[in-house]
């Protein structure tokens, strides 16, 4: 996947059963002080519960570079409009 394809509030999969939702994108999510690559993002894992994906506890968020996330992500998770509305309504608040 291309870095430019990664968007906030979208869910991505590695096609191996893992899904991650991008919460925010920005240089404030660098992993280490002085890190050269500041094109970073914050995400959380999602858990499948029937048809609709429910979120994990928002305290369990992770930071990574957009490049690393793009290498992991194979596809965006596509939902019906109803599933998407329910998912967005239940998103944890961004910090």
Protein backbone atom coordinates (compact mmCIF):
# COMPACT_ATOMS: atom_id res chain seq x y z
CA UNK A 1 0.00 0.00 0.00
CA UNK A 2 1.18 3.56 -0.63
CA UNK A 3 1.76 5.97 2.26
CA UNK A 4 -0.53 8.52 0.60
CA UNK A 5 -3.43 6.02 0.72
CA UNK A 6 -3.44 5.89 4.53
CA UNK A 7 -6.16 8.12 6.03
CA UNK A 8 -7.44 9.01 9.51
CA UNK A 9 -10.42 6.96 10.82
CA UNK A 10 -9.90 4.25 8.23
CA UNK A 11 -9.23 0.60 9.08
CA UNK A 12 -6.57 -1.46 7.32
CA UNK A 13 -5.78 -5.16 7.26
CA UNK A 14 -2.75 -7.31 6.62
CA UNK A 15 -5.08 -10.00 5.19
CA UNK A 16 -3.96 -12.31 8.01
CA UNK A 17 -6.74 -11.43 10.46
CA UNK A 18 -5.26 -8.29 11.99
CA UNK A 19 -6.98 -4.92 11.59
CA UNK A 20 -5.71 -1.51 12.67
CA UNK A 21 -7.51 1.84 12.72
CA UNK A 22 -5.56 5.04 12.11
CA UNK A 23 -6.49 7.60 14.79
CA UNK A 24 -4.29 10.51 13.77
CA UNK A 25 -1.32 11.43 11.59
CA UNK A 26 1.46 13.86 12.43
CA UNK A 27 5.05 14.38 13.58
CA UNK A 28 3.96 14.33 17.24
CA UNK A 29 3.79 10.51 16.98
CA UNK A 30 7.51 9.91 16.41
CA UNK A 31 8.83 6.96 18.37
CA UNK A 32 12.15 8.41 19.51
CA UNK A 33 13.52 11.92 20.10
CA UNK A 34 15.57 13.03 17.11
CA UNK A 35 13.95 10.46 14.80
CA UNK A 36 14.54 11.51 11.18
CA UNK A 37 11.27 10.19 9.73
CA UNK A 38 8.54 12.40 11.22
CA UNK A 39 5.77 11.19 8.88
CA UNK A 40 4.13 9.19 11.66
CA UNK A 41 0.71 8.07 12.85
CA UNK A 42 -1.17 6.71 15.87
CA UNK A 43 -3.34 3.61 15.55
CA UNK A 44 -5.19 0.99 17.56
CA UNK A 45 -6.07 -2.64 16.90
CA UNK A 46 -9.68 -3.53 16.21
CA UNK A 47 -11.42 -6.78 17.12
CA UNK A 48 -13.99 -8.55 14.96
CA UNK A 49 -17.35 -9.03 16.73
CA UNK A 50 -19.77 -10.50 14.21
CA UNK A 51 -20.19 -8.27 11.19
CA UNK A 52 -19.20 -4.94 12.75
CA UNK A 53 -15.68 -4.27 13.96
CA UNK A 54 -15.60 -3.02 17.54
CA UNK A 55 -12.72 -1.02 18.90
CA UNK A 56 -10.22 -2.09 21.51
CA UNK A 57 -9.68 0.10 24.53
CA UNK A 58 -8.35 3.43 23.27
CA UNK A 59 -5.65 3.29 25.98
CA UNK A 60 -3.93 0.69 23.82
CA UNK A 61 -2.71 2.95 21.05
CA UNK A 62 0.54 2.66 19.18
CA UNK A 63 2.77 5.00 17.16
CA UNK A 64 4.66 4.11 14.01
CA UNK A 65 5.95 5.69 10.83
CA UNK A 66 3.53 5.92 7.94
CA UNK A 67 6.10 4.03 5.84
CA UNK A 68 6.13 1.09 8.25
CA UNK A 69 2.33 1.06 8.45
CA UNK A 70 2.07 1.15 4.65
CA UNK A 71 4.38 -1.87 4.38
CA UNK A 72 2.21 -3.79 6.87
CA UNK A 73 -1.17 -2.79 5.35
CA UNK A 74 -2.38 -4.80 2.39
CA UNK A 75 -5.86 -3.26 2.00
CA UNK A 76 -8.40 -0.89 3.50
CA UNK A 77 -11.29 -2.65 5.26
CA UNK A 78 -14.48 -1.82 3.35
CA UNK A 79 -17.80 -1.74 5.20
CA UNK A 80 -21.40 -1.14 4.25
CA UNK A 81 -22.57 2.46 4.89
CA UNK A 82 -24.44 1.28 8.01
CA UNK A 83 -21.38 -0.51 9.39
CA UNK A 84 -19.23 2.54 8.66
CA UNK A 85 -21.62 4.87 10.54
CA UNK A 86 -21.67 2.56 13.56
CA UNK A 87 -17.89 2.23 13.49
CA UNK A 88 -17.33 6.00 13.30
CA UNK A 89 -19.87 6.64 16.08
CA UNK A 90 -17.89 4.38 18.41
CA UNK A 91 -14.38 5.66 17.64
CA UNK A 92 -12.31 6.66 20.64
CA UNK A 93 -11.64 10.38 20.93
CA UNK A 94 -8.32 11.61 19.58
CA UNK A 95 -5.97 13.08 22.16
